[in-house]
Amino acid sequence: GNDNSKEAAPTKDTNTQLQKKLTKGQSHTLNLCIMGDKGTGKSSLFNMLQRKRFEESYSHTTQNQSAQIAWEFRLSNVEVSVKVREVVHPRIKKRTSELKTKDSGQEQQVSVITPEVDAIIFMIDPRKKYTLEYVERELEYLTHEPEILLVSNFTDACDGAQNVQITKSTIKKFIQESKFALKHCEASMSDRF
């Protein structure tokens, strides 16, 4: 439901901050994370950003990946790079204990999404409701307000509308009820749309 008592946290305008840096001739590194449940196209987007070929066959990614990508910013000679991470495991378990015994201590889940992350792309599959539920769960762990984009992948496979579980109106409502300033777009990694 919509909780009117929750207060929207202040947002930073990364676009304005970036424009100021670029006009001053400063280089900039954008820290970007790609997240999503299994089979949503994280690796495909990760590879596309590196100008790699699309892989038709699916293979499960077992660990977080990262890459540094030079971004061509044609309106300036300023160097912009994107540090992109594909996050397969958004939280790591840490054992905390005061006495170092085998069975003592508690496990604590620590988010790998730190305040240094400027933006997050959440990949969702409109044919699988649990992929939006994943986003909802992960938003609860954020301790800061990065720019957030929801990407509905597989638009090429959703033409029939019979297999769609996450409609545009569902996403619109999700965005309206979120305390974060979410943005949304549709895509297809296979045809680079």
C-alpha atoms as a PDB file:
ATOM      1  CA  GLY A   1       0.000   0.000   0.000  1.00  0.00           C
ATOM      2  CA  ASN A   2       0.929   3.637  -0.176  1.00  0.00           C
ATOM      3  CA  ASP A   3       2.363   4.871   3.134  1.00  0.00           C
ATOM      4  CA  ASN A   4       1.949   8.643   3.231  1.00  0.00           C
ATOM      5  CA  SER A   5       3.933   8.863   6.470  1.00  0.00           C
ATOM      6  CA  LYS A   6       7.200   7.877   4.827  1.00  0.00           C
ATOM      7  CA  GLU A   7       9.353  10.823   3.980  1.00  0.00           C
ATOM      8  CA  ALA A   8      11.134  11.007   0.655  1.00  0.00           C
ATOM      9  CA  ALA A   9      14.874  11.179   1.191  1.00  0.00           C
ATOM     10  CA  PRO A  10      16.703  14.043  -0.504  1.00  0.00           C
ATOM     11  CA  THR A  11      17.915  13.176  -3.967  1.00  0.00           C
ATOM     12  CA  LYS A  12      21.080  14.266  -5.663  1.00  0.00           C
ATOM     13  CA  ASP A  13      21.002  15.287  -9.268  1.00  0.00           C
ATOM     14  CA  THR A  14      23.884  13.317 -10.766  1.00  0.00           C
ATOM     15  CA  ASN A  15      23.201  14.809 -14.189  1.00  0.00           C
ATOM     16  CA  THR A  16      23.677  18.389 -12.903  1.00  0.00           C
ATOM     17  CA  GLN A  17      26.799  17.428 -10.934  1.00  0.00           C
ATOM     18  CA  LEU A  18      28.261  15.697 -13.986  1.00  0.00           C
ATOM     19  CA  GLN A  19      27.507  18.657 -16.251  1.00  0.00           C
ATOM     20  CA  LYS A  20      29.303  21.013 -13.828  1.00  0.00           C
ATOM     21  CA  LYS A  21      32.375  18.765 -13.760  1.00  0.00           C
ATOM     22  CA  LEU A  22      32.461  18.426 -17.537  1.00  0.00           C
ATOM     23  CA  THR A  23      32.141  22.157 -18.161  1.00  0.00           C
ATOM     24  CA  LYS A  24      35.054  22.736 -15.778  1.00  0.00           C
ATOM     25  CA  GLY A  25      37.153  20.271 -17.762  1.00  0.00           C
ATOM     26  CA  GLN A  26      37.326  17.706 -14.949  1.00  0.00           C
ATOM     27  CA  SER A  27      37.382  13.999 -15.678  1.00  0.00           C
ATOM     28  CA  HIS A  28      34.684  11.882 -14.099  1.00  0.00           C
ATOM     29  CA  THR A  29      34.182   8.251 -13.187  1.00  0.00           C
ATOM     30  CA  LEU A  30      30.610   7.006 -12.999  1.00  0.00           C
ATOM     31  CA  ASN A  31      30.131   4.012 -10.701  1.00  0.00           C
ATOM     32  CA  LEU A  32      27.324   1.892 -12.158  1.00  0.00           C
ATOM     33  CA  CYS A  33      25.852  -1.396 -10.935  1.00  0.00           C
ATOM     34  CA  ILE A  34      23.711  -3.749 -13.005  1.00  0.00           C
ATOM     35  CA  MET A  35      21.411  -5.847 -10.849  1.00  0.00           C
ATOM     36  CA  GLY A  36      18.491  -8.204 -11.302  1.00  0.00           C
ATOM     37  CA  ASP A  37      17.260 -11.689 -10.586  1.00  0.00           C
ATOM     38  CA  LYS A  38      18.615 -14.631 -12.563  1.00  0.00           C
ATOM     39  CA  GLY A  39      17.923 -14.705 -16.275  1.00  0.00           C
ATOM     40  CA  THR A  40      17.024 -11.014 -16.654  1.00  0.00           C
ATOM     41  CA  GLY A  41      19.852 -10.001 -19.006  1.00  0.00           C
ATOM     42  CA  LYS A  42      22.443  -8.525 -16.638  1.00  0.00           C
ATOM     43  CA  SER A  43      25.385 -10.166 -18.408  1.00  0.00           C
ATOM     44  CA  SER A  44      24.022  -9.216 -21.817  1.00  0.00           C
ATOM     45  CA  LEU A  45      23.870  -5.544 -20.821  1.00  0.00           C
ATOM     46  CA  PHE A  46      27.268  -5.793 -19.107  1.00  0.00           C
ATOM     47  CA  ASN A  47      28.760  -7.191 -22.330  1.00  0.00           C
ATOM     48  CA  MET A  48      26.905  -4.724 -24.561  1.00  0.00           C
ATOM     49  CA  LEU A  49      28.342  -1.780 -22.620  1.00  0.00           C
ATOM     50  CA  GLN A  50      31.783  -3.208 -23.406  1.00  0.00           C
ATOM     51  CA  ARG A  51      30.838  -3.491 -27.099  1.00  0.00           C
ATOM     52  CA  LYS A  52      30.968  -7.277 -26.974  1.00  0.00           C
ATOM     53  CA  ARG A  53      28.846  -9.536 -29.145  1.00  0.00           C
ATOM     54  CA  PHE A  54      25.439 -10.757 -27.938  1.00  0.00           C
ATOM     55  CA  GLU A  55      25.525 -14.402 -26.836  1.00  0.00           C
ATOM     56  CA  GLU A  56      22.407 -16.320 -27.931  1.00  0.00           C
ATOM     57  CA  SER A  57      22.963 -19.147 -25.439  1.00  0.00           C
ATOM     58  CA  TYR A  58      22.220 -18.556 -21.764  1.00  0.00           C
ATOM     59  CA  SER A  59      24.836 -19.353 -19.177  1.00  0.00           C
ATOM     60  CA  HIS A  60      24.337 -18.549 -15.511  1.00  0.00           C
ATOM     61  CA  THR A  61      26.828 -15.996 -14.150  1.00  0.00           C
ATOM     62  CA  THR A  62      28.165 -17.251 -10.825  1.00  0.00           C
ATOM     63  CA  GLN A  63      30.079 -14.244  -9.527  1.00  0.00           C
ATOM     64  CA  ASN A  64      30.103 -10.457  -9.599  1.00  0.00           C
ATOM     65  CA  GLN A  65      32.014  -8.961 -12.535  1.00  0.00           C
ATOM     66  CA  SER A  66      33.452  -5.503 -13.128  1.00  0.00           C
ATOM     67  CA  ALA A  67      34.927  -3.510 -15.996  1.00  0.00           C
ATOM     68  CA  GLN A  68      36.211   0.008 -16.651  1.00  0.00           C
ATOM     69  CA  ILE A  69      34.716   1.468 -19.821  1.00  0.00           C
ATOM     70  CA  ALA A  70      35.765   4.680 -21.558  1.00  0.00           C
ATOM     71  CA  TRP A  71      32.717   6.724 -22.463  1.00  0.00           C
ATOM     72  CA  GLU A  72      32.797   8.874 -25.557  1.00  0.00           C
ATOM     73  CA  PHE A  73      31.453  12.255 -24.556  1.00  0.00           C
ATOM     74  CA  ARG A  74      31.340  14.048 -27.885  1.00  0.00           C
ATOM     75  CA  LEU A  75      30.509  17.515 -26.557  1.00  0.00           C
ATOM     76  CA  SER A  76      33.742  17.775 -24.624  1.00  0.00           C
ATOM     77  CA  ASN A  77      37.346  16.621 -24.587  1.00  0.00           C
ATOM     78  CA  VAL A  78      36.890  15.605 -20.975  1.00  0.00           C
ATOM     79  CA  GLU A  79      37.553  11.993 -20.098  1.00  0.00           C
ATOM     80  CA  VAL A  80      34.531  10.146 -18.732  1.00  0.00           C
ATOM     81  CA  SER A  81      34.833   6.554 -17.668  1.00  0.00           C
ATOM     82  CA  VAL A  82      32.234   4.154 -16.396  1.00  0.00           C
ATOM     83  CA  LYS A  83      33.143   1.641 -13.735  1.00  0.00           C
ATOM     84  CA  VAL A  84      30.446  -0.961 -14.272  1.00  0.00           C
ATOM     85  CA  ARG A  85      29.735  -3.933 -12.029  1.00  0.00           C
ATOM     86  CA  GLU A  86      27.390  -6.779 -12.728  1.00  0.00           C
ATOM     87  CA  VAL A  87      26.104  -7.717  -9.290  1.00  0.00           C
ATOM     88  CA  VAL A  88      25.027 -11.343  -9.026  1.00  0.00           C
ATOM     89  CA  HIS A  89      25.315 -11.485  -5.237  1.00  0.00           C
ATOM     90  CA  PRO A  90      24.089  -8.136  -3.849  1.00  0.00           C
ATOM     91  CA  ARG A  91      24.860  -8.991  -0.244  1.00  0.00           C
ATOM     92  CA  ILE A  92      27.639 -10.921   1.374  1.00  0.00           C
ATOM     93  CA  LYS A  93      27.362 -12.757   4.658  1.00  0.00           C
ATOM     94  CA  LYS A  94      29.828 -11.731   7.332  1.00  0.00           C
ATOM     95  CA  ARG A  95      30.315 -13.652  10.515  1.00  0.00           C
ATOM     96  CA  THR A  96      30.647 -11.455  13.551  1.00  0.00           C
ATOM     97  CA  SER A  97      31.727 -12.787  16.882  1.00  0.00           C
ATOM     98  CA  GLU A  98      33.421 -11.537  19.978  1.00  0.00           C
ATOM     99  CA  LEU A  99      34.885 -14.917  20.891  1.00  0.00           C
ATOM    100  CA  LYS A 100      36.589 -16.799  18.120  1.00  0.00           C
ATOM    101  CA  THR A 101      34.991 -20.200  18.493  1.00  0.00           C
ATOM    102  CA  LYS A 102      33.723 -22.403  15.719  1.00  0.00           C
ATOM    103  CA  ASP A 103      30.023 -22.095  16.542  1.00  0.00           C
ATOM    104  CA  SER A 104      29.856 -18.597  17.994  1.00  0.00           C
ATOM    105  CA  GLY A 105      28.905 -15.454  16.189  1.00  0.00           C
ATOM    106  CA  GLN A 106      26.051 -14.310  14.044  1.00  0.00           C
ATOM    107  CA  GLU A 107      25.803 -13.899  10.319  1.00  0.00           C
ATOM    108  CA  GLN A 108      25.165 -10.385   9.125  1.00  0.00           C
ATOM    109  CA  GLN A 109      24.223  -9.541   5.553  1.00  0.00           C
ATOM    110  CA  VAL A 110      26.221  -6.617   4.180  1.00  0.00           C
ATOM    111  CA  SER A 111      25.224  -4.899   0.941  1.00  0.00           C
ATOM    112  CA  VAL A 112      27.856  -4.593  -1.769  1.00  0.00           C
ATOM    113  CA  ILE A 113      26.051  -1.459  -2.975  1.00  0.00           C
ATOM    114  CA  THR A 114      28.026   1.252  -1.206  1.00  0.00           C
ATOM    115  CA  PRO A 115      27.437   5.030  -1.227  1.00  0.00           C
ATOM    116  CA  GLU A 116      30.119   5.321  -3.942  1.00  0.00           C
ATOM    117  CA  VAL A 117      27.637   3.793  -6.407  1.00  0.00           C
ATOM    118  CA  ASP A 118      26.216   6.625  -8.547  1.00  0.00           C
ATOM    119  CA  ALA A 119      23.612   4.619 -10.463  1.00  0.00           C
ATOM    120  CA  ILE A 120      21.918   1.218 -10.522  1.00  0.00           C
ATOM    121  CA  ILE A 121      20.265  -0.463 -13.482  1.00  0.00           C
ATOM    122  CA  PHE A 122      17.761  -3.093 -12.374  1.00  0.00           C
ATOM    123  CA  MET A 123      16.957  -5.599 -15.118  1.00  0.00           C
ATOM    124  CA  ILE A 124      13.477  -7.133 -15.021  1.00  0.00           C
ATOM    125  CA  ASP A 125      11.692  -9.668 -17.181  1.00  0.00           C
ATOM    126  CA  PRO A 126       8.012  -8.720 -17.670  1.00  0.00           C
ATOM    127  CA  ARG A 127       7.195 -12.424 -18.099  1.00  0.00           C
ATOM    128  CA  LYS A 128       8.355 -13.200 -14.534  1.00  0.00           C
ATOM    129  CA  LYS A 129       6.697 -11.393 -11.614  1.00  0.00           C
ATOM    130  CA  TYR A 130       9.445 -12.356  -9.181  1.00  0.00           C
ATOM    131  CA  THR A 131      11.960 -10.182 -11.076  1.00  0.00           C
ATOM    132  CA  LEU A 132      10.142  -7.009  -9.945  1.00  0.00           C
ATOM    133  CA  GLU A 133       9.817  -8.465  -6.430  1.00  0.00           C
ATOM    134  CA  TYR A 134      13.631  -8.807  -6.473  1.00  0.00           C
ATOM    135  CA  VAL A 135      13.935  -5.067  -7.173  1.00  0.00           C
ATOM    136  CA  GLU A 136      11.544  -4.267  -4.337  1.00  0.00           C
ATOM    137  CA  ARG A 137      13.612  -6.370  -1.896  1.00  0.00           C
ATOM    138  CA  GLU A 138      16.938  -4.892  -2.981  1.00  0.00           C
ATOM    139  CA  LEU A 139      15.723  -1.293  -2.728  1.00  0.00           C
ATOM    140  CA  GLU A 140      15.170  -1.891   0.995  1.00  0.00           C
ATOM    141  CA  TYR A 141      18.911  -2.476   1.473  1.00  0.00           C
ATOM    142  CA  LEU A 142      20.021   0.807  -0.113  1.00  0.00           C
ATOM    143  CA  THR A 143      21.526   3.272   2.350  1.00  0.00           C
ATOM    144  CA  HIS A 144      21.781   6.151  -0.133  1.00  0.00           C
ATOM    145  CA  GLU A 145      19.920   7.497  -3.187  1.00  0.00           C
ATOM    146  CA  PRO A 146      21.690   6.559  -6.419  1.00  0.00           C
ATOM    147  CA  GLU A 147      20.083   7.184  -9.793  1.00  0.00           C
ATOM    148  CA  ILE A 148      17.938   4.099 -10.514  1.00  0.00           C
ATOM    149  CA  LEU A 149      16.721   2.804 -13.858  1.00  0.00           C
ATOM    150  CA  LEU A 150      14.359  -0.147 -14.236  1.00  0.00           C
ATOM    151  CA  VAL A 151      14.876  -1.872 -17.580  1.00  0.00           C
ATOM    152  CA  SER A 152      12.093  -4.130 -18.809  1.00  0.00           C
ATOM    153  CA  ASN A 153      14.124  -6.502 -20.945  1.00  0.00           C
ATOM    154  CA  PHE A 154      12.790  -9.019 -23.502  1.00  0.00           C
ATOM    155  CA  THR A 155      10.362  -6.606 -25.185  1.00  0.00           C
ATOM    156  CA  ASP A 156      10.850  -8.673 -28.341  1.00  0.00           C
ATOM    157  CA  ALA A 157       9.446 -11.720 -26.500  1.00  0.00           C
ATOM    158  CA  CYS A 158       6.488  -9.861 -24.934  1.00  0.00           C
ATOM    159  CA  ASP A 159       4.575  -8.932 -28.077  1.00  0.00           C
ATOM    160  CA  GLY A 160       1.766 -11.422 -27.456  1.00  0.00           C
ATOM    161  CA  ALA A 161       0.924  -9.926 -24.037  1.00  0.00           C
ATOM    162  CA  GLN A 162      -0.397 -13.338 -22.910  1.00  0.00           C
ATOM    163  CA  ASN A 163       2.848 -14.173 -21.177  1.00  0.00           C
ATOM    164  CA  VAL A 164       3.305 -10.731 -19.525  1.00  0.00           C
ATOM    165  CA  GLN A 165       3.044 -10.769 -15.714  1.00  0.00           C
ATOM    166  CA  ILE A 166       4.433  -7.251 -15.125  1.00  0.00           C
ATOM    167  CA  THR A 167       2.410  -4.700 -17.077  1.00  0.00           C
ATOM    168  CA  LYS A 168       3.296  -1.075 -17.761  1.00  0.00           C
ATOM    169  CA  SER A 169       0.620  -0.014 -15.256  1.00  0.00           C
ATOM    170  CA  THR A 170       2.185  -2.298 -12.604  1.00  0.00           C
ATOM    171  CA  ILE A 171       5.553  -0.630 -13.164  1.00  0.00           C
ATOM    172  CA  LYS A 172       3.992   2.849 -13.134  1.00  0.00           C
ATOM    173  CA  LYS A 173       2.332   2.096  -9.782  1.00  0.00           C
ATOM    174  CA  PHE A 174       5.587   0.631  -8.410  1.00  0.00           C
ATOM    175  CA  ILE A 175       7.456   3.814  -9.383  1.00  0.00           C
ATOM    176  CA  GLN A 176       4.782   6.090  -7.883  1.00  0.00           C
ATOM    177  CA  GLU A 177       4.815   4.226  -4.570  1.00  0.00           C
ATOM    178  CA  SER A 178       8.601   4.055  -4.259  1.00  0.00           C
ATOM    179  CA  LYS A 179      10.525   6.455  -2.037  1.00  0.00           C
ATOM    180  CA  PHE A 180      13.208   6.494  -4.751  1.00  0.00           C
ATOM    181  CA  ALA A 181      13.120   8.554  -7.943  1.00  0.00           C
ATOM    182  CA  LEU A 182      12.906   5.571 -10.287  1.00  0.00           C
ATOM    183  CA  LYS A 183      13.054   5.772 -14.058  1.00  0.00           C
ATOM    184  CA  HIS A 184      11.909   3.067 -16.487  1.00  0.00           C
ATOM    185  CA  CYS A 185      12.562   1.993 -20.053  1.00  0.00           C
ATOM    186  CA  GLU A 186      11.936  -1.041 -22.231  1.00  0.00           C
ATOM    187  CA  ALA A 187      14.698  -2.925 -23.991  1.00  0.00           C
ATOM    188  CA  SER A 188      15.746  -6.038 -25.806  1.00  0.00           C
ATOM    189  CA  MET A 189      19.348  -7.084 -25.340  1.00  0.00           C
ATOM    190  CA  SER A 190      19.157  -9.521 -28.268  1.00  0.00           C
ATOM    191  CA  ASP A 191      18.443  -6.816 -30.850  1.00  0.00           C
ATOM    192  CA  ARG A 192      20.090  -3.995 -28.858  1.00  0.00           C
ATOM    193  CA  PHE A 193      16.839  -2.028 -28.637  1.00  0.00           C
END
